[in-house]
Amino acid sequence: LCAGYAAVAMTARERRDLENLHRSMAPLVR
């Protein structure tokens, strides 16, 4: 539900922040 709502409710800034947070986790995987 949260993810579905976020897909339509997130602001442009929140979407960028989420994408940046996701990308920042790649080094932790390595």
mmCIF file of all heavy atoms, coordinates in Angstrom:
data_MODEL
# 
_entry.id   MODEL 
# 
loop_
_atom_site.group_PDB 
_atom_site.id 
_atom_site.type_symbol 
_atom_site.label_atom_id 
_atom_site.label_alt_id 
_atom_site.label_comp_id 
_atom_site.label_asym_id 
_atom_site.label_entity_id 
_atom_site.label_seq_id 
_atom_site.pdbx_PDB_ins_code 
_atom_site.Cartn_x 
_atom_site.Cartn_y 
_atom_site.Cartn_z 
_atom_site.occupancy 
_atom_site.B_iso_or_equiv 
_atom_site.pdbx_formal_charge 
_atom_site.auth_seq_id 
_atom_site.auth_comp_id 
_atom_site.auth_asym_id 
_atom_site.auth_atom_id 
_atom_site.pdbx_PDB_model_num 
ATOM 1   N N   . LEU A 1 1  ? 0.833  -1.206 0.000   1.00 0.00 ? 1  LEU A N   1 
ATOM 2   C CA  . LEU A 1 1  ? 0.000  0.000  0.000   1.00 0.00 ? 1  LEU A CA  1 
ATOM 3   C C   . LEU A 1 1  ? 0.869  1.258  0.000   1.00 0.00 ? 1  LEU A C   1 
ATOM 4   O O   . LEU A 1 1  ? 0.620  2.205  -0.755  1.00 0.00 ? 1  LEU A O   1 
ATOM 5   C CB  . LEU A 1 1  ? -0.924 0.005  1.218   1.00 0.00 ? 1  LEU A CB  1 
ATOM 6   C CG  . LEU A 1 1  ? -2.207 -0.811 1.135   1.00 0.00 ? 1  LEU A CG  1 
ATOM 7   C CD1 . LEU A 1 1  ? -2.917 -0.804 2.494   1.00 0.00 ? 1  LEU A CD1 1 
ATOM 8   C CD2 . LEU A 1 1  ? -3.141 -0.241 0.067   1.00 0.00 ? 1  LEU A CD2 1 
ATOM 9   N N   . CYS A 1 2  ? 1.891  1.269  0.846   1.00 0.00 ? 2  CYS A N   1 
ATOM 10  C CA  . CYS A 1 2  ? 2.789  2.427  0.919   1.00 0.00 ? 2  CYS A CA  1 
ATOM 11  C C   . CYS A 1 2  ? 3.452  2.686  -0.430  1.00 0.00 ? 2  CYS A C   1 
ATOM 12  O O   . CYS A 1 2  ? 3.520  3.831  -0.897  1.00 0.00 ? 2  CYS A O   1 
ATOM 13  C CB  . CYS A 1 2  ? 3.856  2.210  1.983   1.00 0.00 ? 2  CYS A CB  1 
ATOM 14  S SG  . CYS A 1 2  ? 3.275  2.380  3.691   1.00 0.00 ? 2  CYS A SG  1 
ATOM 15  N N   . ALA A 1 3  ? 3.973  1.631  -1.047  1.00 0.00 ? 3  ALA A N   1 
ATOM 16  C CA  . ALA A 1 3  ? 4.659  1.792  -2.322  1.00 0.00 ? 3  ALA A CA  1 
ATOM 17  C C   . ALA A 1 3  ? 3.702  2.268  -3.409  1.00 0.00 ? 3  ALA A C   1 
ATOM 18  O O   . ALA A 1 3  ? 4.049  3.138  -4.220  1.00 0.00 ? 3  ALA A O   1 
ATOM 19  C CB  . ALA A 1 3  ? 5.315  0.476  -2.735  1.00 0.00 ? 3  ALA A CB  1 
ATOM 20  N N   . GLY A 1 4  ? 2.493  1.704  -3.415  1.00 0.00 ? 4  GLY A N   1 
ATOM 21  C CA  . GLY A 1 4  ? 1.503  2.121  -4.410  1.00 0.00 ? 4  GLY A CA  1 
ATOM 22  C C   . GLY A 1 4  ? 1.107  3.575  -4.240  1.00 0.00 ? 4  GLY A C   1 
ATOM 23  O O   . GLY A 1 4  ? 1.024  4.335  -5.222  1.00 0.00 ? 4  GLY A O   1 
ATOM 24  N N   . TYR A 1 5  ? 0.856  3.970  -3.009  1.00 0.00 ? 5  TYR A N   1 
ATOM 25  C CA  . TYR A 1 5  ? 0.510  5.367  -2.744  1.00 0.00 ? 5  TYR A CA  1 
ATOM 26  C C   . TYR A 1 5  ? 1.672  6.294  -3.079  1.00 0.00 ? 5  TYR A C   1 
ATOM 27  O O   . TYR A 1 5  ? 1.484  7.390  -3.616  1.00 0.00 ? 5  TYR A O   1 
ATOM 28  C CB  . TYR A 1 5  ? 0.121  5.548  -1.278  1.00 0.00 ? 5  TYR A CB  1 
ATOM 29  C CG  . TYR A 1 5  ? -1.225 4.994  -0.891  1.00 0.00 ? 5  TYR A CG  1 
ATOM 30  C CD1 . TYR A 1 5  ? -2.046 4.353  -1.816  1.00 0.00 ? 5  TYR A CD1 1 
ATOM 31  C CD2 . TYR A 1 5  ? -1.693 5.090  0.421   1.00 0.00 ? 5  TYR A CD2 1 
ATOM 32  C CE1 . TYR A 1 5  ? -3.273 3.837  -1.449  1.00 0.00 ? 5  TYR A CE1 1 
ATOM 33  C CE2 . TYR A 1 5  ? -2.927 4.585  0.799   1.00 0.00 ? 5  TYR A CE2 1 
ATOM 34  C CZ  . TYR A 1 5  ? -3.708 3.952  -0.142  1.00 0.00 ? 5  TYR A CZ  1 
ATOM 35  O OH  . TYR A 1 5  ? -4.940 3.448  0.234   1.00 0.00 ? 5  TYR A OH  1 
ATOM 36  N N   . ALA A 1 6  ? 2.895  5.859  -2.733  1.00 0.00 ? 6  ALA A N   1 
ATOM 37  C CA  . ALA A 1 6  ? 4.073  6.688  -3.005  1.00 0.00 ? 6  ALA A CA  1 
ATOM 38  C C   . ALA A 1 6  ? 4.247  6.931  -4.499  1.00 0.00 ? 6  ALA A C   1 
ATOM 39  O O   . ALA A 1 6  ? 4.694  8.012  -4.916  1.00 0.00 ? 6  ALA A O   1 
ATOM 40  C CB  . ALA A 1 6  ? 5.326  6.028  -2.438  1.00 0.00 ? 6  ALA A CB  1 
ATOM 41  N N   . ALA A 1 7  ? 3.881  5.945  -5.306  1.00 0.00 ? 7  ALA A N   1 
ATOM 42  C CA  . ALA A 1 7  ? 4.027  6.079  -6.759  1.00 0.00 ? 7  ALA A CA  1 
ATOM 43  C C   . ALA A 1 7  ? 3.205  7.236  -7.315  1.00 0.00 ? 7  ALA A C   1 
ATOM 44  O O   . ALA A 1 7  ? 3.577  7.846  -8.326  1.00 0.00 ? 7  ALA A O   1 
ATOM 45  C CB  . ALA A 1 7  ? 3.630  4.769  -7.447  1.00 0.00 ? 7  ALA A CB  1 
ATOM 46  N N   . VAL A 1 8  ? 2.091  7.550  -6.652  1.00 0.00 ? 8  VAL A N   1 
ATOM 47  C CA  . VAL A 1 8  ? 1.235  8.630  -7.165  1.00 0.00 ? 8  VAL A CA  1 
ATOM 48  C C   . VAL A 1 8  ? 1.293  9.892  -6.311  1.00 0.00 ? 8  VAL A C   1 
ATOM 49  O O   . VAL A 1 8  ? 0.860  10.959 -6.746  1.00 0.00 ? 8  VAL A O   1 
ATOM 50  C CB  . VAL A 1 8  ? -0.239 8.159  -7.277  1.00 0.00 ? 8  VAL A CB  1 
ATOM 51  C CG1 . VAL A 1 8  ? -0.361 7.041  -8.303  1.00 0.00 ? 8  VAL A CG1 1 
ATOM 52  C CG2 . VAL A 1 8  ? -0.783 7.697  -5.924  1.00 0.00 ? 8  VAL A CG2 1 
ATOM 53  N N   . ALA A 1 9  ? 1.849  9.792  -5.086  1.00 0.00 ? 9  ALA A N   1 
ATOM 54  C CA  . ALA A 1 9  ? 1.810  10.930 -4.170  1.00 0.00 ? 9  ALA A CA  1 
ATOM 55  C C   . ALA A 1 9  ? 3.160  11.603 -3.947  1.00 0.00 ? 9  ALA A C   1 
ATOM 56  O O   . ALA A 1 9  ? 3.209  12.758 -3.514  1.00 0.00 ? 9  ALA A O   1 
ATOM 57  C CB  . ALA A 1 9  ? 1.250  10.488 -2.811  1.00 0.00 ? 9  ALA A CB  1 
ATOM 58  N N   . MET A 1 10 ? 4.251  10.917 -4.218  1.00 0.00 ? 10 MET A N   1 
ATOM 59  C CA  . MET A 1 10 ? 5.568  11.497 -3.956  1.00 0.00 ? 10 MET A CA  1 
ATOM 60  C C   . MET A 1 10 ? 5.793  12.753 -4.794  1.00 0.00 ? 10 MET A C   1 
ATOM 61  O O   . MET A 1 10 ? 5.436  12.798 -5.979  1.00 0.00 ? 10 MET A O   1 
ATOM 62  C CB  . MET A 1 10 ? 6.677  10.485 -4.259  1.00 0.00 ? 10 MET A CB  1 
ATOM 63  C CG  . MET A 1 10 ? 7.122  9.663  -3.069  1.00 0.00 ? 10 MET A CG  1 
ATOM 64  S SD  . MET A 1 10 ? 8.594  8.669  -3.512  1.00 0.00 ? 10 MET A SD  1 
ATOM 65  C CE  . MET A 1 10 ? 9.167  8.230  -1.867  1.00 0.00 ? 10 MET A CE  1 
ATOM 66  N N   . THR A 1 11 ? 6.432  13.741 -4.182  1.00 0.00 ? 11 THR A N   1 
ATOM 67  C CA  . THR A 1 11 ? 6.821  14.940 -4.913  1.00 0.00 ? 11 THR A CA  1 
ATOM 68  C C   . THR A 1 11 ? 8.055  14.619 -5.760  1.00 0.00 ? 11 THR A C   1 
ATOM 69  O O   . THR A 1 11 ? 8.712  13.583 -5.563  1.00 0.00 ? 11 THR A O   1 
ATOM 70  C CB  . THR A 1 11 ? 7.163  16.086 -3.954  1.00 0.00 ? 11 THR A CB  1 
ATOM 71  O OG1 . THR A 1 11 ? 8.335  15.727 -3.195  1.00 0.00 ? 11 THR A OG1 1 
ATOM 72  C CG2 . THR A 1 11 ? 6.010  16.374 -2.995  1.00 0.00 ? 11 THR A CG2 1 
ATOM 73  N N   . ALA A 1 12 ? 8.383  15.520 -6.681  1.00 0.00 ? 12 ALA A N   1 
ATOM 74  C CA  . ALA A 1 12 ? 9.570  15.323 -7.515  1.00 0.00 ? 12 ALA A CA  1 
ATOM 75  C C   . ALA A 1 12 ? 10.822 15.242 -6.657  1.00 0.00 ? 12 ALA A C   1 
ATOM 76  O O   . ALA A 1 12 ? 11.720 14.430 -6.916  1.00 0.00 ? 12 ALA A O   1 
ATOM 77  C CB  . ALA A 1 12 ? 9.680  16.456 -8.532  1.00 0.00 ? 12 ALA A CB  1 
ATOM 78  N N   . ARG A 1 13 ? 10.881 16.070 -5.620  1.00 0.00 ? 13 ARG A N   1 
ATOM 79  C CA  . ARG A 1 13 ? 12.040 16.053 -4.723  1.00 0.00 ? 13 ARG A CA  1 
ATOM 80  C C   . ARG A 1 13 ? 12.130 14.712 -3.985  1.00 0.00 ? 13 ARG A C   1 
ATOM 81  O O   . ARG A 1 13 ? 13.217 14.143 -3.828  1.00 0.00 ? 13 ARG A O   1 
ATOM 82  C CB  . ARG A 1 13 ? 11.934 17.198 -3.720  1.00 0.00 ? 13 ARG A CB  1 
ATOM 83  C CG  . ARG A 1 13 ? 12.989 17.203 -2.620  1.00 0.00 ? 13 ARG A CG  1 
ATOM 84  C CD  . ARG A 1 13 ? 14.398 17.398 -3.179  1.00 0.00 ? 13 ARG A CD  1 
ATOM 85  N NE  . ARG A 1 13 ? 15.402 17.383 -2.135  1.00 0.00 ? 13 ARG A NE  1 
ATOM 86  C CZ  . ARG A 1 13 ? 15.770 18.452 -1.445  1.00 0.00 ? 13 ARG A CZ  1 
ATOM 87  N NH1 . ARG A 1 13 ? 15.204 19.628 -1.681  1.00 0.00 ? 13 ARG A NH1 1 
ATOM 88  N NH2 . ARG A 1 13 ? 16.700 18.363 -0.525  1.00 0.00 ? 13 ARG A NH2 1 
ATOM 89  N N   . GLU A 1 14 ? 11.012 14.203 -3.513  1.00 0.00 ? 14 GLU A N   1 
ATOM 90  C CA  . GLU A 1 14 ? 11.012 12.930 -2.793  1.00 0.00 ? 14 GLU A CA  1 
ATOM 91  C C   . GLU A 1 14 ? 11.429 11.780 -3.710  1.00 0.00 ? 14 GLU A C   1 
ATOM 92  O O   . GLU A 1 14 ? 12.132 10.860 -3.278  1.00 0.00 ? 14 GLU A O   1 
ATOM 93  C CB  . GLU A 1 14 ? 9.626  12.658 -2.203  1.00 0.00 ? 14 GLU A CB  1 
ATOM 94  C CG  . GLU A 1 14 ? 9.285  13.544 -1.017  1.00 0.00 ? 14 GLU A CG  1 
ATOM 95  C CD  . GLU A 1 14 ? 7.848  13.397 -0.570  1.00 0.00 ? 14 GLU A CD  1 
ATOM 96  O OE1 . GLU A 1 14 ? 6.972  13.123 -1.432  1.00 0.00 ? 14 GLU A OE1 1 
ATOM 97  O OE2 . GLU A 1 14 ? 7.593  13.559 0.634   1.00 0.00 ? 14 GLU A OE2 1 
ATOM 98  N N   . ARG A 1 15 ? 11.002 11.833 -4.960  1.00 0.00 ? 15 ARG A N   1 
ATOM 99  C CA  . ARG A 1 15 ? 11.404 10.786 -5.913  1.00 0.00 ? 15 ARG A CA  1 
ATOM 100 C C   . ARG A 1 15 ? 12.914 10.810 -6.147  1.00 0.00 ? 15 ARG A C   1 
ATOM 101 O O   . ARG A 1 15 ? 13.566 9.762  -6.204  1.00 0.00 ? 15 ARG A O   1 
ATOM 102 C CB  . ARG A 1 15 ? 10.640 10.952 -7.232  1.00 0.00 ? 15 ARG A CB  1 
ATOM 103 C CG  . ARG A 1 15 ? 9.145  10.697 -7.120  1.00 0.00 ? 15 ARG A CG  1 
ATOM 104 C CD  . ARG A 1 15 ? 8.413  11.064 -8.417  1.00 0.00 ? 15 ARG A CD  1 
ATOM 105 N NE  . ARG A 1 15 ? 6.999  11.212 -8.167  1.00 0.00 ? 15 ARG A NE  1 
ATOM 106 C CZ  . ARG A 1 15 ? 6.105  10.219 -8.219  1.00 0.00 ? 15 ARG A CZ  1 
ATOM 107 N NH1 . ARG A 1 15 ? 6.504  9.004  -8.543  1.00 0.00 ? 15 ARG A NH1 1 
ATOM 108 N NH2 . ARG A 1 15 ? 4.839  10.448 -7.957  1.00 0.00 ? 15 ARG A NH2 1 
ATOM 109 N N   . ARG A 1 16 ? 13.475 12.017 -6.300  1.00 0.00 ? 16 ARG A N   1 
ATOM 110 C CA  . ARG A 1 16 ? 14.925 12.132 -6.480  1.00 0.00 ? 16 ARG A CA  1 
ATOM 111 C C   . ARG A 1 16 ? 15.670 11.626 -5.254  1.00 0.00 ? 16 ARG A C   1 
ATOM 112 O O   . ARG A 1 16 ? 16.676 10.910 -5.366  1.00 0.00 ? 16 ARG A O   1 
ATOM 113 C CB  . ARG A 1 16 ? 15.309 13.590 -6.757  1.00 0.00 ? 16 ARG A CB  1 
ATOM 114 C CG  . ARG A 1 16 ? 14.935 14.103 -8.141  1.00 0.00 ? 16 ARG A CG  1 
ATOM 115 C CD  . ARG A 1 16 ? 15.665 15.402 -8.459  1.00 0.00 ? 16 ARG A CD  1 
ATOM 116 N NE  . ARG A 1 16 ? 15.385 16.445 -7.484  1.00 0.00 ? 16 ARG A NE  1 
ATOM 117 C CZ  . ARG A 1 16 ? 14.380 17.308 -7.588  1.00 0.00 ? 16 ARG A CZ  1 
ATOM 118 N NH1 . ARG A 1 16 ? 13.545 17.238 -8.625  1.00 0.00 ? 16 ARG A NH1 1 
ATOM 119 N NH2 . ARG A 1 16 ? 14.196 18.249 -6.675  1.00 0.00 ? 16 ARG A NH2 1 
ATOM 120 N N   . ASP A 1 17 ? 15.162 11.995 -4.075  1.00 0.00 ? 17 ASP A N   1 
ATOM 121 C CA  . ASP A 1 17 ? 15.816 11.550 -2.843  1.00 0.00 ? 17 ASP A CA  1 
ATOM 122 C C   . ASP A 1 17 ? 15.769 10.033 -2.709  1.00 0.00 ? 17 ASP A C   1 
ATOM 123 O O   . ASP A 1 17 ? 16.752 9.404  -2.266  1.00 0.00 ? 17 ASP A O   1 
ATOM 124 C CB  . ASP A 1 17 ? 15.149 12.203 -1.627  1.00 0.00 ? 17 ASP A CB  1 
ATOM 125 C CG  . ASP A 1 17 ? 15.462 13.687 -1.514  1.00 0.00 ? 17 ASP A CG  1 
ATOM 126 O OD1 . ASP A 1 17 ? 16.382 14.152 -2.214  1.00 0.00 ? 17 ASP A OD1 1 
ATOM 127 O OD2 . ASP A 1 17 ? 14.768 14.373 -0.737  1.00 0.00 ? 17 ASP A OD2 1 
ATOM 128 N N   . LEU A 1 18 ? 14.638 9.431  -3.076  1.00 0.00 ? 18 LEU A N   1 
ATOM 129 C CA  . LEU A 1 18 ? 14.514 7.972  -2.989  1.00 0.00 ? 18 LEU A CA  1 
ATOM 130 C C   . LEU A 1 18 ? 15.485 7.302  -3.952  1.00 0.00 ? 18 LEU A C   1 
ATOM 131 O O   . LEU A 1 18 ? 16.166 6.330  -3.591  1.00 0.00 ? 18 LEU A O   1 
ATOM 132 C CB  . LEU A 1 18 ? 13.079 7.537  -3.304  1.00 0.00 ? 18 LEU A CB  1 
ATOM 133 C CG  . LEU A 1 18 ? 12.832 6.021  -3.287  1.00 0.00 ? 18 LEU A CG  1 
ATOM 134 C CD1 . LEU A 1 18 ? 13.003 5.466  -1.874  1.00 0.00 ? 18 LEU A CD1 1 
ATOM 135 C CD2 . LEU A 1 18 ? 11.432 5.697  -3.817  1.00 0.00 ? 18 LEU A CD2 1 
ATOM 136 N N   . GLU A 1 19 ? 15.559 7.833  -5.168  1.00 0.00 ? 19 GLU A N   1 
ATOM 137 C CA  . GLU A 1 19 ? 16.480 7.260  -6.150  1.00 0.00 ? 19 GLU A CA  1 
ATOM 138 C C   . GLU A 1 19 ? 17.917 7.397  -5.673  1.00 0.00 ? 19 GLU A C   1 
ATOM 139 O O   . GLU A 1 19 ? 18.713 6.441  -5.780  1.00 0.00 ? 19 GLU A O   1 
ATOM 140 C CB  . GLU A 1 19 ? 16.302 7.946  -7.503  1.00 0.00 ? 19 GLU A CB  1 
ATOM 141 C CG  . GLU A 1 19 ? 17.156 7.329  -8.605  1.00 0.00 ? 19 GLU A CG  1 
ATOM 142 C CD  . GLU A 1 19 ? 16.905 7.940  -9.965  1.00 0.00 ? 19 GLU A CD  1 
ATOM 143 O OE1 . GLU A 1 19 ? 16.396 9.078  -10.023 1.00 0.00 ? 19 GLU A OE1 1 
ATOM 144 O OE2 . GLU A 1 19 ? 17.218 7.274  -10.970 1.00 0.00 ? 19 GLU A OE2 1 
ATOM 145 N N   . ASN A 1 20 ? 18.283 8.558  -5.136  1.00 0.00 ? 20 ASN A N   1 
ATOM 146 C CA  . ASN A 1 20 ? 19.649 8.764  -4.636  1.00 0.00 ? 20 ASN A CA  1 
ATOM 147 C C   . ASN A 1 20 ? 19.962 7.836  -3.462  1.00 0.00 ? 20 ASN A C   1 
ATOM 148 O O   . ASN A 1 20 ? 21.071 7.298  -3.349  1.00 0.00 ? 20 ASN A O   1 
ATOM 149 C CB  . ASN A 1 20 ? 19.839 10.221 -4.212  1.00 0.00 ? 20 ASN A CB  1 
ATOM 150 C CG  . ASN A 1 20 ? 19.861 11.169 -5.395  1.00 0.00 ? 20 ASN A CG  1 
ATOM 151 O OD1 . ASN A 1 20 ? 20.156 10.771 -6.520  1.00 0.00 ? 20 ASN A OD1 1 
ATOM 152 N ND2 . ASN A 1 20 ? 19.538 12.436 -5.148  1.00 0.00 ? 20 ASN A ND2 1 
ATOM 153 N N   . LEU A 1 21 ? 18.979 7.642  -2.569  1.00 0.00 ? 21 LEU A N   1 
ATOM 154 C CA  . LEU A 1 21 ? 19.169 6.742  -1.433  1.00 0.00 ? 21 LEU A CA  1 
ATOM 155 C C   . LEU A 1 21 ? 19.395 5.319  -1.925  1.00 0.00 ? 21 LEU A C   1 
ATOM 156 O O   . LEU A 1 21 ? 20.284 4.605  -1.427  1.00 0.00 ? 21 LEU A O   1 
ATOM 157 C CB  . LEU A 1 21 ? 17.949 6.808  -0.512  1.00 0.00 ? 21 LEU A CB  1 
ATOM 158 C CG  . LEU A 1 21 ? 17.942 5.876  0.699   1.00 0.00 ? 21 LEU A CG  1 
ATOM 159 C CD1 . LEU A 1 21 ? 19.166 6.120  1.575   1.00 0.00 ? 21 LEU A CD1 1 
ATOM 160 C CD2 . LEU A 1 21 ? 16.668 6.078  1.509   1.00 0.00 ? 21 LEU A CD2 1 
ATOM 161 N N   . HIS A 1 22 ? 18.600 4.920  -2.903  1.00 0.00 ? 22 HIS A N   1 
ATOM 162 C CA  . HIS A 1 22 ? 18.763 3.584  -3.467  1.00 0.00 ? 22 HIS A CA  1 
ATOM 163 C C   . HIS A 1 22 ? 20.156 3.423  -4.071  1.00 0.00 ? 22 HIS A C   1 
ATOM 164 O O   . HIS A 1 22 ? 20.844 2.416  -3.812  1.00 0.00 ? 22 HIS A O   1 
ATOM 165 C CB  . HIS A 1 22 ? 17.683 3.343  -4.524  1.00 0.00 ? 22 HIS A CB  1 
ATOM 166 C CG  . HIS A 1 22 ? 17.874 2.092  -5.326  1.00 0.00 ? 22 HIS A CG  1 
ATOM 167 N ND1 . HIS A 1 22 ? 17.954 0.840  -4.762  1.00 0.00 ? 22 HIS A ND1 1 
ATOM 168 C CD2 . HIS A 1 22 ? 18.035 1.905  -6.674  1.00 0.00 ? 22 HIS A CD2 1 
ATOM 169 C CE1 . HIS A 1 22 ? 18.128 -0.076 -5.701  1.00 0.00 ? 22 HIS A CE1 1 
ATOM 170 N NE2 . HIS A 1 22 ? 18.186 0.545  -6.864  1.00 0.00 ? 22 HIS A NE2 1 
ATOM 171 N N   . ARG A 1 23 ? 20.596 4.389  -4.860  1.00 0.00 ? 23 ARG A N   1 
ATOM 172 C CA  . ARG A 1 23 ? 21.915 4.301  -5.493  1.00 0.00 ? 23 ARG A CA  1 
ATOM 173 C C   . ARG A 1 23 ? 23.032 4.263  -4.453  1.00 0.00 ? 23 ARG A C   1 
ATOM 174 O O   . ARG A 1 23 ? 24.070 3.611  -4.667  1.00 0.00 ? 23 ARG A O   1 
ATOM 175 C CB  . ARG A 1 23 ? 22.139 5.496  -6.427  1.00 0.00 ? 23 ARG A CB  1 
ATOM 176 C CG  . ARG A 1 23 ? 21.150 5.610  -7.570  1.00 0.00 ? 23 ARG A CG  1 
ATOM 177 C CD  . ARG A 1 23 ? 21.139 4.404  -8.457  1.00 0.00 ? 23 ARG A CD  1 
ATOM 178 N NE  . ARG A 1 23 ? 20.065 4.482  -9.450  1.00 0.00 ? 23 ARG A NE  1 
ATOM 179 C CZ  . ARG A 1 23 ? 19.492 3.444  -10.007 1.00 0.00 ? 23 ARG A CZ  1 
ATOM 180 N NH1 . ARG A 1 23 ? 19.872 2.212  -9.656  1.00 0.00 ? 23 ARG A NH1 1 
ATOM 181 N NH2 . ARG A 1 23 ? 18.525 3.602  -10.895 1.00 0.00 ? 23 ARG A NH2 1 
ATOM 182 N N   . SER A 1 24 ? 22.834 4.954  -3.337  1.00 0.00 ? 24 SER A N   1 
ATOM 183 C CA  . SER A 1 24 ? 23.875 4.991  -2.302  1.00 0.00 ? 24 SER A CA  1 
ATOM 184 C C   . SER A 1 24 ? 24.062 3.637  -1.627  1.00 0.00 ? 24 SER A C   1 
ATOM 185 O O   . SER A 1 24 ? 25.064 3.417  -0.931  1.00 0.00 ? 24 SER A O   1 
ATOM 186 C CB  . SER A 1 24 ? 23.530 6.045  -1.242  1.00 0.00 ? 24 SER A CB  1 
ATOM 187 O OG  . SER A 1 24 ? 22.454 5.623  -0.407  1.00 0.00 ? 24 SER A OG  1 
ATOM 188 N N   . MET A 1 25 ? 23.117 2.724  -1.822  1.00 0.00 ? 25 MET A N   1 
ATOM 189 C CA  . MET A 1 25 ? 23.227 1.407  -1.200  1.00 0.00 ? 25 MET A CA  1 
ATOM 190 C C   . MET A 1 25 ? 24.062 0.444  -2.035  1.00 0.00 ? 25 MET A C   1 
ATOM 191 O O   . MET A 1 25 ? 24.468 -0.615 -1.538  1.00 0.00 ? 25 MET A O   1 
ATOM 192 C CB  . MET A 1 25 ? 21.825 0.822  -0.962  1.00 0.00 ? 25 MET A CB  1 
ATOM 193 C CG  . MET A 1 25 ? 21.005 1.624  0.042   1.00 0.00 ? 25 MET A CG  1 
ATOM 194 S SD  . MET A 1 25 ? 19.292 1.057  0.215   1.00 0.00 ? 25 MET A SD  1 
ATOM 195 C CE  . MET A 1 25 ? 19.531 -0.510 1.063   1.00 0.00 ? 25 MET A CE  1 
ATOM 196 N N   . ALA A 1 26 ? 24.340 0.785  -3.292  1.00 0.00 ? 26 ALA A N   1 
ATOM 197 C CA  . ALA A 1 26 ? 25.116 -0.104 -4.157  1.00 0.00 ? 26 ALA A CA  1 
ATOM 198 C C   . ALA A 1 26 ? 26.502 -0.401 -3.578  1.00 0.00 ? 26 ALA A C   1 
ATOM 199 O O   . ALA A 1 26 ? 26.935 -1.568 -3.572  1.00 0.00 ? 26 ALA A O   1 
ATOM 200 C CB  . ALA A 1 26 ? 25.220 0.484  -5.564  1.00 0.00 ? 26 ALA A CB  1 
ATOM 201 N N   . PRO A 1 27 ? 27.250 0.612  -3.087  1.00 0.00 ? 27 PRO A N   1 
ATOM 202 C CA  . PRO A 1 27 ? 28.563 0.300  -2.500  1.00 0.00 ? 27 PRO A CA  1 
ATOM 203 C C   . PRO A 1 27 ? 28.467 -0.632 -1.293  1.00 0.00 ? 27 PRO A C   1 
ATOM 204 O O   . PRO A 1 27 ? 29.386 -1.426 -1.042  1.00 0.00 ? 27 PRO A O   1 
ATOM 205 C CB  . PRO A 1 27 ? 29.102 1.678  -2.088  1.00 0.00 ? 27 PRO A CB  1 
ATOM 206 C CG  . PRO A 1 27 ? 28.376 2.653  -2.945  1.00 0.00 ? 27 PRO A CG  1 
ATOM 207 C CD  . PRO A 1 27 ? 27.011 2.072  -3.130  1.00 0.00 ? 27 PRO A CD  1 
ATOM 208 N N   . LEU A 1 28 ? 27.365 -0.559 -0.546  1.00 0.00 ? 28 LEU A N   1 
ATOM 209 C CA  . LEU A 1 28 ? 27.206 -1.422 0.624   1.00 0.00 ? 28 LEU A CA  1 
ATOM 210 C C   . LEU A 1 28 ? 27.056 -2.880 0.201   1.00 0.00 ? 28 LEU A C   1 
ATOM 211 O O   . LEU A 1 28 ? 27.479 -3.791 0.918   1.00 0.00 ? 28 LEU A O   1 
ATOM 212 C CB  . LEU A 1 28 ? 25.987 -0.980 1.443   1.00 0.00 ? 28 LEU A CB  1 
ATOM 213 C CG  . LEU A 1 28 ? 25.990 0.471  1.918   1.00 0.00 ? 28 LEU A CG  1 
ATOM 214 C CD1 . LEU A 1 28 ? 24.739 0.763  2.734   1.00 0.00 ? 28 LEU A CD1 1 
ATOM 215 C CD2 . LEU A 1 28 ? 27.252 0.758  2.736   1.00 0.00 ? 28 LEU A CD2 1 
ATOM 216 N N   . VAL A 1 29 ? 26.445 -3.087 -0.969  1.00 0.00 ? 29 VAL A N   1 
ATOM 217 C CA  . VAL A 1 29 ? 26.333 -4.447 -1.498  1.00 0.00 ? 29 VAL A CA  1 
ATOM 218 C C   . VAL A 1 29 ? 27.719 -4.980 -1.834  1.00 0.00 ? 29 VAL A C   1 
ATOM 219 O O   . VAL A 1 29 ? 28.068 -6.116 -1.507  1.00 0.00 ? 29 VAL A O   1 
ATOM 220 C CB  . VAL A 1 29 ? 25.424 -4.470 -2.747  1.00 0.00 ? 29 VAL A CB  1 
ATOM 221 C CG1 . VAL A 1 29 ? 25.406 -5.874 -3.359  1.00 0.00 ? 29 VAL A CG1 1 
ATOM 222 C CG2 . VAL A 1 29 ? 24.010 -4.027 -2.388  1.00 0.00 ? 29 VAL A CG2 1 
ATOM 223 N N   . ARG A 1 30 ? 28.527 -4.129 -2.492  1.00 0.00 ? 30 ARG A N   1 
ATOM 224 C CA  . ARG A 1 30 ? 29.883 -4.560 -2.872  1.00 0.00 ? 30 ARG A CA  1 
ATOM 225 C C   . ARG A 1 30 ? 30.745 -4.828 -1.652  1.00 0.00 ? 30 ARG A C   1 
ATOM 226 O O   . ARG A 1 30 ? 31.574 -5.742 -1.652  1.00 0.00 ? 30 ARG A O   1 
ATOM 227 C CB  . ARG A 1 30 ? 30.527 -3.489 -3.757  1.00 0.00 ? 30 ARG A CB  1 
ATOM 228 C CG  . ARG A 1 30 ? 29.879 -3.357 -5.137  1.00 0.00 ? 30 ARG A CG  1 
ATOM 229 C CD  . ARG A 1 30 ? 30.737 -2.525 -6.065  1.00 0.00 ? 30 ARG A CD  1 
ATOM 230 N NE  . ARG A 1 30 ? 30.823 -1.128 -5.648  1.00 0.00 ? 30 ARG A NE  1 
ATOM 231 C CZ  . ARG A 1 30 ? 29.964 -0.181 -6.028  1.00 0.00 ? 30 ARG A CZ  1 
ATOM 232 N NH1 . ARG A 1 30 ? 28.938 -0.500 -6.819  1.00 0.00 ? 30 ARG A NH1 1 
ATOM 233 N NH2 . ARG A 1 30 ? 30.125 1.064  -5.629  1.00 0.00 ? 30 ARG A NH2 1 
# 
